[in-house]
Protein backbone atom coordinates (compact mmCIF):
# COMPACT_ATOMS: atom_id res chain seq x y z
CA MET A 1 3.99 -17.68 -0.37
CA ASN A 2 5.67 -14.32 -1.15
CA LEU A 3 3.64 -11.71 -3.00
CA VAL A 4 3.92 -8.18 -4.24
CA ILE A 5 0.70 -6.19 -4.55
CA LEU A 6 0.38 -3.26 -6.97
CA GLY A 7 -2.48 -0.86 -7.51
CA ALA A 8 -3.24 2.79 -8.07
CA PRO A 9 -3.97 5.16 -5.17
CA GLY A 10 -7.54 4.39 -4.05
CA SER A 11 -7.58 0.96 -5.63
CA GLY A 12 -7.94 -0.68 -2.25
CA LYS A 13 -4.62 -2.54 -2.39
CA GLY A 14 -3.80 -1.83 1.25
CA THR A 15 -7.09 -3.23 2.47
CA GLN A 16 -6.72 -6.30 0.24
CA ALA A 17 -3.03 -6.80 1.30
CA ALA A 18 -4.10 -6.90 4.94
CA ARG A 19 -6.88 -9.39 4.25
CA ILE A 20 -4.65 -11.62 2.13
CA ALA A 21 -2.02 -11.59 4.96
CA GLU A 22 -4.59 -12.58 7.50
CA ARG A 23 -6.12 -15.36 5.47
CA ALA A 24 -2.82 -16.79 4.24
CA ARG A 25 -1.08 -16.28 7.60
CA ILE A 26 1.79 -14.32 6.04
CA ARG A 27 3.34 -11.01 6.94
CA HIS A 28 1.80 -7.81 5.60
CA ILE A 29 4.86 -5.61 4.94
CA SER A 30 3.91 -2.06 4.24
CA THR A 31 6.87 0.17 3.60
CA GLY A 32 4.84 3.20 4.71
CA ASP A 33 4.17 1.50 8.09
CA LEU A 34 7.87 0.52 8.39
CA LEU A 35 8.91 4.15 7.95
CA ARG A 36 6.32 5.50 10.43
CA ASP A 37 7.29 2.80 12.95
CA ALA A 38 10.99 3.53 12.66
CA VAL A 39 10.37 7.34 13.08
CA ALA A 40 8.09 6.75 16.08
CA LYS A 41 10.63 4.44 17.78
CA GLY A 42 13.52 6.81 17.15
CA THR A 43 15.75 4.15 15.60
CA ASP A 44 18.92 5.23 13.71
CA ILE A 45 17.12 4.72 10.39
CA GLY A 46 14.01 6.49 11.77
CA LYS A 47 16.07 9.54 12.79
CA ARG A 48 17.60 9.73 9.34
CA ALA A 49 14.19 9.38 7.70
CA ALA A 50 12.57 11.89 10.11
CA GLY A 51 15.16 14.54 9.23
CA ILE A 52 14.59 14.09 5.49
CA MET A 53 10.77 14.11 5.89
CA ALA A 54 10.91 17.23 8.06
CA ALA A 55 12.75 18.99 5.23
CA GLY A 56 9.90 18.07 2.85
CA ARG A 57 12.03 15.64 0.79
CA LEU A 58 11.23 12.11 -0.24
CA VAL A 59 12.95 9.38 1.73
CA PRO A 60 15.72 7.90 -0.48
CA ASP A 61 15.29 4.32 -1.79
CA GLU A 62 18.35 3.11 0.13
CA ILE A 63 16.68 3.93 3.45
CA VAL A 64 13.45 2.13 2.46
CA LEU A 65 15.46 -0.80 1.20
CA GLU A 66 17.41 -0.95 4.44
CA LEU A 67 14.17 -1.06 6.46
CA LEU A 68 12.83 -3.70 4.11
CA ARG A 69 15.97 -5.80 4.38
CA ASN A 70 15.83 -5.75 8.18
CA LYS A 71 12.18 -6.72 8.14
CA LEU A 72 12.61 -9.58 5.73
CA MET A 73 15.53 -10.99 7.68
CA ASN A 74 13.84 -10.82 11.08
CA ASP A 75 14.29 -14.42 12.20
CA GLU A 76 11.55 -14.42 14.79
CA GLU A 77 8.96 -13.28 12.20
CA ARG A 78 10.28 -15.62 9.56
CA SER A 79 9.78 -18.58 11.94
CA ARG A 80 6.20 -17.56 12.69
CA PHE A 81 4.90 -16.79 9.20
CA GLY A 82 4.90 -18.67 5.94
CA GLY A 83 5.72 -15.77 3.71
CA TRP A 84 4.83 -12.08 3.11
CA ILE A 85 2.92 -9.68 0.96
CA LEU A 86 4.75 -6.49 0.09
CA ASP A 87 2.55 -3.34 -0.10
CA GLY A 88 3.78 0.06 -1.19
CA PHE A 89 7.03 -0.96 -2.82
CA PRO A 90 8.29 -1.02 -5.50
CA ARG A 91 6.90 2.11 -7.11
CA THR A 92 9.42 2.50 -9.91
CA LEU A 93 11.45 0.24 -12.21
CA ALA A 94 14.64 1.24 -10.36
CA GLN A 95 13.07 0.16 -7.10
CA ALA A 96 11.85 -3.12 -8.57
CA GLU A 97 15.39 -4.00 -9.71
CA ALA A 98 16.87 -2.91 -6.32
CA LEU A 99 14.31 -5.12 -4.54
CA GLU A 100 15.58 -8.11 -6.44
CA GLY A 101 19.00 -7.52 -4.88
CA VAL A 102 17.55 -7.26 -1.39
CA LEU A 103 15.55 -10.43 -1.84
CA ASP A 104 18.59 -12.33 -3.16
CA GLY A 105 20.56 -11.25 -0.13
CA ALA A 106 17.79 -12.32 2.24
CA GLY A 107 17.40 -15.69 0.53
CA GLU A 108 13.81 -14.75 -0.55
CA LYS A 109 11.99 -14.63 -3.87
CA ILE A 110 8.70 -13.35 -5.24
CA ASP A 111 6.17 -16.08 -5.96
CA GLY A 112 3.46 -13.95 -7.60
CA VAL A 113 2.19 -10.41 -8.20
CA VAL A 114 -1.34 -9.23 -7.51
CA CYS A 115 -2.35 -6.14 -9.56
CA ILE A 116 -5.62 -4.43 -8.61
CA GLU A 117 -6.88 -2.57 -11.65
CA ILE A 118 -9.52 0.21 -11.50
CA ASP A 119 -10.74 2.99 -13.85
CA PRO A 120 -9.07 6.28 -12.92
CA GLU A 121 -12.32 8.17 -12.72
CA ALA A 122 -13.70 5.55 -10.34
CA VAL A 123 -10.68 6.28 -8.13
CA VAL A 124 -11.36 10.03 -8.32
CA ASN A 125 -15.02 9.41 -7.33
CA ARG A 126 -14.06 7.00 -4.54
CA LEU A 127 -11.41 9.24 -2.91
CA SER A 128 -13.08 12.61 -3.42
CA ASN A 129 -16.11 11.41 -1.45
CA ARG A 130 -13.86 10.52 1.51
CA ARG A 131 -14.02 12.74 4.61
CA THR A 132 -11.70 12.68 7.62
CA CYS A 133 -12.37 13.88 11.14
CA ALA A 134 -10.09 16.81 11.90
CA SER A 135 -9.97 15.75 15.62
CA CYS A 136 -9.88 11.92 15.88
CA LYS A 137 -8.94 11.12 12.24
CA ALA A 138 -11.89 8.74 11.78
CA VAL A 139 -12.63 8.20 8.06
CA TYR A 140 -16.02 8.34 6.36
CA HIS A 141 -17.37 8.04 2.86
CA LEU A 142 -20.24 10.20 1.75
CA VAL A 143 -21.73 7.35 -0.35
CA SER A 144 -20.81 4.01 1.31
CA ASN A 145 -20.18 5.10 4.93
CA PRO A 146 -21.69 8.55 5.64
CA PRO A 147 -21.80 10.20 9.04
CA ALA A 148 -25.14 10.28 10.88
CA VAL A 149 -25.02 14.10 10.86
CA GLU A 150 -23.59 15.73 7.75
CA GLY A 151 -20.15 17.22 8.32
CA GLU A 152 -19.90 15.83 11.86
CA CYS A 153 -17.95 12.89 13.18
CA ASP A 154 -20.07 10.15 14.79
CA ALA A 155 -17.36 9.27 17.26
CA CYS A 156 -16.27 12.63 18.70
CA GLY A 157 -18.44 15.31 17.01
CA GLY A 158 -15.43 16.79 15.25
CA LYS A 159 -15.57 18.54 11.91
CA LEU A 160 -15.21 16.37 8.85
CA VAL A 161 -12.81 17.69 6.21
CA LEU A 162 -11.67 16.87 2.68
CA ARG A 163 -7.97 16.18 2.90
CA ASP A 164 -5.75 17.78 0.28
CA ASP A 165 -4.74 14.27 -0.84
CA ASP A 166 -8.36 13.50 -1.56
CA LYS A 167 -9.09 16.48 -3.76
CA PRO A 168 -9.85 15.56 -7.40
CA GLU A 169 -6.93 17.54 -8.86
CA THR A 170 -4.46 15.92 -6.39
CA ILE A 171 -5.82 12.49 -7.07
CA ARG A 172 -5.43 12.87 -10.80
CA LYS A 173 -1.79 13.97 -10.32
CA ARG A 174 -1.11 10.89 -8.18
CA LEU A 175 -2.73 8.71 -10.82
CA GLU A 176 -0.61 10.21 -13.55
CA ILE A 177 2.55 9.46 -11.48
CA TYR A 178 1.35 5.86 -10.94
CA LYS A 179 0.72 5.46 -14.69
CA LYS A 180 4.06 6.86 -15.60
CA GLU A 181 6.33 5.36 -12.89
CA THR A 182 4.63 2.30 -11.40
CA LEU A 183 2.69 0.63 -14.23
CA PRO A 184 5.85 -0.07 -16.26
CA ILE A 185 6.87 -2.46 -13.44
CA LEU A 186 4.12 -4.85 -14.64
CA ALA A 187 5.83 -5.38 -17.98
CA LEU A 188 8.94 -6.43 -16.09
CA TYR A 189 7.10 -8.66 -13.65
CA GLU A 190 5.08 -10.39 -16.40
CA LYS A 191 8.38 -11.62 -17.81
CA ARG A 192 9.55 -12.95 -14.49
CA TYR A 193 6.51 -13.91 -12.38
CA ARG A 194 2.92 -14.87 -12.53
CA VAL A 195 0.77 -11.73 -12.45
CA TYR A 196 -2.81 -11.90 -11.20
CA ARG A 197 -5.02 -9.03 -12.43
CA VAL A 198 -8.14 -8.23 -10.48
CA ASP A 199 -10.93 -5.71 -11.04
CA GLY A 200 -10.74 -3.30 -8.08
CA SER A 201 -14.03 -1.54 -8.83
CA LYS A 202 -16.02 -4.46 -7.34
CA PRO A 203 -17.08 -4.59 -3.68
CA ILE A 204 -14.25 -5.34 -1.13
CA ASP A 205 -15.45 -8.90 -0.38
CA GLU A 206 -15.84 -9.72 -4.07
CA VAL A 207 -12.33 -8.52 -4.86
CA MET A 208 -10.96 -10.58 -1.97
CA SER A 209 -12.86 -13.64 -3.19
CA LYS A 210 -11.38 -13.22 -6.69
CA ILE A 211 -7.83 -12.84 -5.36
CA SER A 212 -8.25 -15.86 -3.14
CA GLY A 213 -9.35 -18.00 -6.05
CA LEU A 214 -6.48 -16.84 -8.24
CA ILE A 215 -3.68 -17.45 -5.69
CA GLY A 216 -5.27 -20.52 -4.14
CA LEU A 217 -6.23 -19.42 -0.65
């Protein structure tokens, strides 16, 4: 089973992708993780990406696609897992079309698309209540997972901060980009594949249960 998962920032798609991968025994392929891993290992691709990121520019699609192609064609992983779920890519129509070429070359195809839908203001509320430890990077939520002492990390006592990415104005900008650039992919995918739409505002376990029922886990 090969899946693509789509969802706005804060929709919980990364969490659900990891759970789906574990339950279905397929690979969770996160393009963000692939980039970070390549940079950390100092591979040729990682060095190219690191230089671009250090200059404050976006990593070009061709680099991400190259990483993705290498991952998909990893024979050892292909023999161990019965498929994959792709998380974080594509984000634009151009990327969606380019992905088709990579999949064709790897002898792979998409079997279905999971789309986690959530009200934008629910996302703003969810992310703006998130706090991150400045020291150990532990993550808390003021509503669902608050620290024992306000503003202080339970694990190391470090100061909890609101990241720039979690500020309401930043979140709304990210949501606008998602609406403009990523949502149009759904219209394309609905013509080609089966799309499973899920309400992402529900509790994590409930969302997972819904997805599992739709895709037959």
